[in-house]
């Protein structure tokens, strides 16, 4: 069937395209289906595109993809994005290095901040990352960014327990440590 010169495959009627649009979680694909349903009902390309907030050319492109691929052609194609700066082996080396942490004698630092990891990558492989891109890279390779509370290497754990503040509950009372007195509520 055609809507004023625009040829559309007619294996699905407008009602089927509207059902697809109602069930489809991808909003852009649903709008394309609604526009094509409108064309099948006889509307012009400009009118059908305007009803779903698109241009005539984008509707024409959607019709071509729908004619070639069916309903799957209404979805956006994945975009490539920029290429990775680190190879898979470099990412695995970084994934092993970060939890191990830097060696103060070799690396000159005692903790890993994003700035330190970025400097390490720059020195080791000549690759520069912004801090936000580095944070995303760490998440992508399975590392979450949580900085541990520092503890002095010569610190005494028993002495530290004496000076820790007791935890206070919601109503201002001191909470008991788990396993100390009181009945358990099951």
C-alpha atoms as a PDB file:
ATOM      1  CA  UNK A   1       0.000   0.000   0.000  1.00  0.00           C
ATOM      2  CA  UNK A   2       1.210   3.550  -0.531  1.00  0.00           C
ATOM      3  CA  UNK A   3       0.561   6.928   0.941  1.00  0.00           C
ATOM      4  CA  UNK A   4       0.969   9.413  -1.889  1.00  0.00           C
ATOM      5  CA  UNK A   5       4.054   7.915  -3.536  1.00  0.00           C
ATOM      6  CA  UNK A   6       5.614   6.216  -0.492  1.00  0.00           C
ATOM      7  CA  UNK A   7       5.585   2.441  -0.987  1.00  0.00           C
ATOM      8  CA  UNK A   8       5.291   0.441   2.242  1.00  0.00           C
ATOM      9  CA  UNK A   9       5.218  -3.321   2.633  1.00  0.00           C
ATOM     10  CA  UNK A  10       1.713  -4.382   3.579  1.00  0.00           C
ATOM     11  CA  UNK A  11       2.227  -7.676   5.399  1.00  0.00           C
ATOM     12  CA  UNK A  12       1.129  -5.899   8.618  1.00  0.00           C
ATOM     13  CA  UNK A  13      -1.982  -3.761   8.733  1.00  0.00           C
ATOM     14  CA  UNK A  14      -2.102  -0.446  10.639  1.00  0.00           C
ATOM     15  CA  UNK A  15      -3.824  -2.097  13.626  1.00  0.00           C
ATOM     16  CA  UNK A  16      -0.943  -4.593  13.989  1.00  0.00           C
ATOM     17  CA  UNK A  17       1.600  -1.757  13.810  1.00  0.00           C
ATOM     18  CA  UNK A  18      -0.319   0.151  16.488  1.00  0.00           C
ATOM     19  CA  UNK A  19      -0.364  -2.965  18.732  1.00  0.00           C
ATOM     20  CA  UNK A  20       3.381  -3.293  18.210  1.00  0.00           C
ATOM     21  CA  UNK A  21       3.829   0.386  19.160  1.00  0.00           C
ATOM     22  CA  UNK A  22       1.795  -0.063  22.375  1.00  0.00           C
ATOM     23  CA  UNK A  23       3.875  -3.051  23.519  1.00  0.00           C
ATOM     24  CA  UNK A  24       7.258  -1.742  22.362  1.00  0.00           C
ATOM     25  CA  UNK A  25       9.490  -0.377  25.180  1.00  0.00           C
ATOM     26  CA  UNK A  26      11.705   1.461  22.657  1.00  0.00           C
ATOM     27  CA  UNK A  27       9.877   4.752  22.199  1.00  0.00           C
ATOM     28  CA  UNK A  28      11.613   5.685  18.957  1.00  0.00           C
ATOM     29  CA  UNK A  29      10.706   2.367  17.318  1.00  0.00           C
ATOM     30  CA  UNK A  30       7.120   2.756  18.539  1.00  0.00           C
ATOM     31  CA  UNK A  31       6.855   6.230  17.001  1.00  0.00           C
ATOM     32  CA  UNK A  32       8.227   4.932  13.704  1.00  0.00           C
ATOM     33  CA  UNK A  33       5.600   2.161  13.732  1.00  0.00           C
ATOM     34  CA  UNK A  34       2.834   4.692  14.390  1.00  0.00           C
ATOM     35  CA  UNK A  35       4.022   6.880  11.514  1.00  0.00           C
ATOM     36  CA  UNK A  36       4.118   3.896   9.154  1.00  0.00           C
ATOM     37  CA  UNK A  37       0.626   2.873  10.294  1.00  0.00           C
ATOM     38  CA  UNK A  38      -0.552   6.366   9.452  1.00  0.00           C
ATOM     39  CA  UNK A  39       1.040   6.131   5.984  1.00  0.00           C
ATOM     40  CA  UNK A  40      -0.720   2.794   5.414  1.00  0.00           C
ATOM     41  CA  UNK A  41      -4.012   4.522   6.229  1.00  0.00           C
ATOM     42  CA  UNK A  42      -3.360   6.944   3.386  1.00  0.00           C
ATOM     43  CA  UNK A  43      -1.736   9.949   5.046  1.00  0.00           C
ATOM     44  CA  UNK A  44       1.045  11.801   3.292  1.00  0.00           C
ATOM     45  CA  UNK A  45       4.670  11.550   4.336  1.00  0.00           C
ATOM     46  CA  UNK A  46       4.770  15.063   5.824  1.00  0.00           C
ATOM     47  CA  UNK A  47       1.542  14.605   7.780  1.00  0.00           C
ATOM     48  CA  UNK A  48       2.528  11.174   9.161  1.00  0.00           C
ATOM     49  CA  UNK A  49       5.964  12.433  10.184  1.00  0.00           C
ATOM     50  CA  UNK A  50       4.519  15.552  11.816  1.00  0.00           C
ATOM     51  CA  UNK A  51       2.074  13.481  13.894  1.00  0.00           C
ATOM     52  CA  UNK A  52       4.973  11.666  15.606  1.00  0.00           C
ATOM     53  CA  UNK A  53       7.300  14.672  15.774  1.00  0.00           C
ATOM     54  CA  UNK A  54       9.705  13.626  13.002  1.00  0.00           C
ATOM     55  CA  UNK A  55      10.868  14.989   9.663  1.00  0.00           C
ATOM     56  CA  UNK A  56       9.745  13.567   6.321  1.00  0.00           C
ATOM     57  CA  UNK A  57      13.223  12.244   5.554  1.00  0.00           C
ATOM     58  CA  UNK A  58      13.477  10.292   8.824  1.00  0.00           C
ATOM     59  CA  UNK A  59      10.097   8.705   8.067  1.00  0.00           C
ATOM     60  CA  UNK A  60      11.295   7.792   4.585  1.00  0.00           C
ATOM     61  CA  UNK A  61      14.422   6.185   6.074  1.00  0.00           C
ATOM     62  CA  UNK A  62      12.276   4.263   8.579  1.00  0.00           C
ATOM     63  CA  UNK A  63      10.008   3.009   5.776  1.00  0.00           C
ATOM     64  CA  UNK A  64      13.018   1.809   3.772  1.00  0.00           C
ATOM     65  CA  UNK A  65      14.381  -0.085   6.783  1.00  0.00           C
ATOM     66  CA  UNK A  66      10.911  -1.467   7.592  1.00  0.00           C
ATOM     67  CA  UNK A  67      10.512  -2.650   3.991  1.00  0.00           C
ATOM     68  CA  UNK A  68      13.900  -4.394   4.104  1.00  0.00           C
ATOM     69  CA  UNK A  69      13.933  -5.798   7.660  1.00  0.00           C
ATOM     70  CA  UNK A  70      10.360  -5.754   8.952  1.00  0.00           C
ATOM     71  CA  UNK A  71       9.664  -4.662  12.526  1.00  0.00           C
ATOM     72  CA  UNK A  72      13.322  -5.179  13.495  1.00  0.00           C
ATOM     73  CA  UNK A  73      14.245  -2.369  11.094  1.00  0.00           C
ATOM     74  CA  UNK A  74      12.339   0.147  13.214  1.00  0.00           C
ATOM     75  CA  UNK A  75      14.867  -0.068  16.046  1.00  0.00           C
ATOM     76  CA  UNK A  76      17.971   2.111  16.223  1.00  0.00           C
ATOM     77  CA  UNK A  77      21.154   0.424  15.161  1.00  0.00           C
ATOM     78  CA  UNK A  78      23.914   0.173  17.779  1.00  0.00           C
ATOM     79  CA  UNK A  79      26.500   2.883  17.515  1.00  0.00           C
ATOM     80  CA  UNK A  80      30.185   2.068  17.551  1.00  0.00           C
ATOM     81  CA  UNK A  81      31.427   4.830  19.833  1.00  0.00           C
ATOM     82  CA  UNK A  82      35.080   5.707  20.233  1.00  0.00           C
ATOM     83  CA  UNK A  83      37.612   2.866  20.167  1.00  0.00           C
ATOM     84  CA  UNK A  84      39.038   1.583  23.446  1.00  0.00           C
ATOM     85  CA  UNK A  85      42.312   3.192  24.465  1.00  0.00           C
ATOM     86  CA  UNK A  86      43.501   0.071  26.296  1.00  0.00           C
ATOM     87  CA  UNK A  87      43.685  -3.401  24.792  1.00  0.00           C
ATOM     88  CA  UNK A  88      42.087  -6.360  26.581  1.00  0.00           C
ATOM     89  CA  UNK A  89      45.441  -7.469  28.018  1.00  0.00           C
ATOM     90  CA  UNK A  90      46.167  -3.952  29.269  1.00  0.00           C
ATOM     91  CA  UNK A  91      42.725  -3.834  30.895  1.00  0.00           C
ATOM     92  CA  UNK A  92      43.425  -7.162  32.602  1.00  0.00           C
ATOM     93  CA  UNK A  93      46.811  -5.863  33.804  1.00  0.00           C
ATOM     94  CA  UNK A  94      45.081  -2.762  35.193  1.00  0.00           C
ATOM     95  CA  UNK A  95      42.412  -4.943  36.811  1.00  0.00           C
ATOM     96  CA  UNK A  96      45.152  -6.909  38.577  1.00  0.00           C
ATOM     97  CA  UNK A  97      47.199  -3.820  39.536  1.00  0.00           C
ATOM     98  CA  UNK A  98      44.461  -1.694  41.140  1.00  0.00           C
ATOM     99  CA  UNK A  99      43.434  -4.098  43.969  1.00  0.00           C
ATOM    100  CA  UNK A 100      47.060  -4.945  44.641  1.00  0.00           C
ATOM    101  CA  UNK A 101      47.763  -1.253  44.993  1.00  0.00           C
ATOM    102  CA  UNK A 102      50.933   0.676  44.397  1.00  0.00           C
ATOM    103  CA  UNK A 103      54.235  -0.126  46.056  1.00  0.00           C
ATOM    104  CA  UNK A 104      55.350   3.017  47.931  1.00  0.00           C
ATOM    105  CA  UNK A 105      59.014   2.291  47.267  1.00  0.00           C
ATOM    106  CA  UNK A 106      58.558   1.710  43.528  1.00  0.00           C
ATOM    107  CA  UNK A 107      55.587   3.928  42.652  1.00  0.00           C
ATOM    108  CA  UNK A 108      56.141   6.713  45.174  1.00  0.00           C
ATOM    109  CA  UNK A 109      52.534   6.660  46.358  1.00  0.00           C
ATOM    110  CA  UNK A 110      50.792   4.695  49.071  1.00  0.00           C
ATOM    111  CA  UNK A 111      47.167   4.795  47.915  1.00  0.00           C
ATOM    112  CA  UNK A 112      45.403   4.765  44.582  1.00  0.00           C
ATOM    113  CA  UNK A 113      43.365   7.779  43.669  1.00  0.00           C
ATOM    114  CA  UNK A 114      41.964   8.255  40.197  1.00  0.00           C
ATOM    115  CA  UNK A 115      44.735  10.779  39.552  1.00  0.00           C
ATOM    116  CA  UNK A 116      47.326   8.193  40.565  1.00  0.00           C
ATOM    117  CA  UNK A 117      45.788   5.508  38.331  1.00  0.00           C
ATOM    118  CA  UNK A 118      45.709   7.972  35.435  1.00  0.00           C
ATOM    119  CA  UNK A 119      49.392   8.804  36.016  1.00  0.00           C
ATOM    120  CA  UNK A 120      50.198   5.080  36.171  1.00  0.00           C
ATOM    121  CA  UNK A 121      48.477   4.491  32.802  1.00  0.00           C
ATOM    122  CA  UNK A 122      50.247   7.475  31.276  1.00  0.00           C
ATOM    123  CA  UNK A 123      53.661   6.336  32.522  1.00  0.00           C
ATOM    124  CA  UNK A 124      53.182   2.655  31.691  1.00  0.00           C
ATOM    125  CA  UNK A 125      51.401   2.767  28.323  1.00  0.00           C
ATOM    126  CA  UNK A 126      51.326   6.445  27.317  1.00  0.00           C
ATOM    127  CA  UNK A 127      47.518   6.504  27.474  1.00  0.00           C
ATOM    128  CA  UNK A 128      45.648   9.493  28.901  1.00  0.00           C
ATOM    129  CA  UNK A 129      42.130   9.352  30.329  1.00  0.00           C
ATOM    130  CA  UNK A 130      39.954  12.003  31.889  1.00  0.00           C
ATOM    131  CA  UNK A 131      38.952  11.184  35.446  1.00  0.00           C
ATOM    132  CA  UNK A 132      35.342  10.512  34.480  1.00  0.00           C
ATOM    133  CA  UNK A 133      36.410   8.241  31.602  1.00  0.00           C
ATOM    134  CA  UNK A 134      38.797   6.414  33.924  1.00  0.00           C
ATOM    135  CA  UNK A 135      36.044   5.924  36.485  1.00  0.00           C
ATOM    136  CA  UNK A 136      33.788   4.447  33.770  1.00  0.00           C
ATOM    137  CA  UNK A 137      36.627   2.198  32.597  1.00  0.00           C
ATOM    138  CA  UNK A 138      37.164   0.876  36.129  1.00  0.00           C
ATOM    139  CA  UNK A 139      33.444   0.096  36.440  1.00  0.00           C
ATOM    140  CA  UNK A 140      33.424  -1.558  33.022  1.00  0.00           C
ATOM    141  CA  UNK A 141      36.274  -3.915  33.964  1.00  0.00           C
ATOM    142  CA  UNK A 142      34.533  -4.853  37.201  1.00  0.00           C
ATOM    143  CA  UNK A 143      36.106  -2.549  39.778  1.00  0.00           C
ATOM    144  CA  UNK A 144      34.024  -0.245  41.928  1.00  0.00           C
ATOM    145  CA  UNK A 145      35.623   2.895  43.230  1.00  0.00           C
ATOM    146  CA  UNK A 146      35.562   2.861  47.002  1.00  0.00           C
ATOM    147  CA  UNK A 147      38.397   4.308  48.984  1.00  0.00           C
ATOM    148  CA  UNK A 148      39.147   2.463  52.192  1.00  0.00           C
ATOM    149  CA  UNK A 149      39.613   4.359  55.379  1.00  0.00           C
ATOM    150  CA  UNK A 150      43.361   4.715  55.909  1.00  0.00           C
ATOM    151  CA  UNK A 151      45.042   2.765  58.689  1.00  0.00           C
ATOM    152  CA  UNK A 152      48.587   3.398  59.785  1.00  0.00           C
ATOM    153  CA  UNK A 153      50.781   0.351  59.105  1.00  0.00           C
ATOM    154  CA  UNK A 154      52.217   0.492  62.651  1.00  0.00           C
ATOM    155  CA  UNK A 155      48.839   1.176  64.251  1.00  0.00           C
ATOM    156  CA  UNK A 156      47.595  -0.829  67.210  1.00  0.00           C
ATOM    157  CA  UNK A 157      44.147  -2.337  66.591  1.00  0.00           C
ATOM    158  CA  UNK A 158      43.378  -2.734  70.325  1.00  0.00           C
ATOM    159  CA  UNK A 159      44.211   0.897  71.071  1.00  0.00           C
ATOM    160  CA  UNK A 160      42.107   2.026  68.120  1.00  0.00           C
ATOM    161  CA  UNK A 161      39.061   0.192  69.536  1.00  0.00           C
ATOM    162  CA  UNK A 162      39.313   2.214  72.758  1.00  0.00           C
ATOM    163  CA  UNK A 163      38.950   5.476  70.875  1.00  0.00           C
ATOM    164  CA  UNK A 164      36.218   4.533  68.420  1.00  0.00           C
ATOM    165  CA  UNK A 165      32.978   6.369  68.979  1.00  0.00           C
ATOM    166  CA  UNK A 166      30.056   4.141  69.926  1.00  0.00           C
ATOM    167  CA  UNK A 167      27.364   4.011  67.260  1.00  0.00           C
ATOM    168  CA  UNK A 168      24.220   5.918  68.156  1.00  0.00           C
ATOM    169  CA  UNK A 169      20.794   4.659  67.106  1.00  0.00           C
ATOM    170  CA  UNK A 170      17.956   6.695  65.596  1.00  0.00           C
ATOM    171  CA  UNK A 171      16.594   7.836  68.976  1.00  0.00           C
ATOM    172  CA  UNK A 172      19.906   8.881  70.488  1.00  0.00           C
ATOM    173  CA  UNK A 173      20.530   5.684  72.464  1.00  0.00           C
ATOM    174  CA  UNK A 174      23.736   3.777  72.136  1.00  0.00           C
ATOM    175  CA  UNK A 175      23.324   0.646  70.112  1.00  0.00           C
ATOM    176  CA  UNK A 176      24.630  -2.610  71.426  1.00  0.00           C
ATOM    177  CA  UNK A 177      27.145  -4.490  69.380  1.00  0.00           C
ATOM    178  CA  UNK A 178      25.693  -7.612  67.804  1.00  0.00           C
ATOM    179  CA  UNK A 179      25.622 -10.583  70.097  1.00  0.00           C
ATOM    180  CA  UNK A 180      25.645  -8.583  73.364  1.00  0.00           C
ATOM    181  CA  UNK A 181      22.539  -9.077  75.486  1.00  0.00           C
ATOM    182  CA  UNK A 182      18.991  -8.287  74.519  1.00  0.00           C
ATOM    183  CA  UNK A 183      16.447 -10.528  72.891  1.00  0.00           C
ATOM    184  CA  UNK A 184      16.490 -11.134  69.193  1.00  0.00           C
ATOM    185  CA  UNK A 185      13.342 -10.325  67.242  1.00  0.00           C
ATOM    186  CA  UNK A 186      12.569 -12.961  64.668  1.00  0.00           C
END
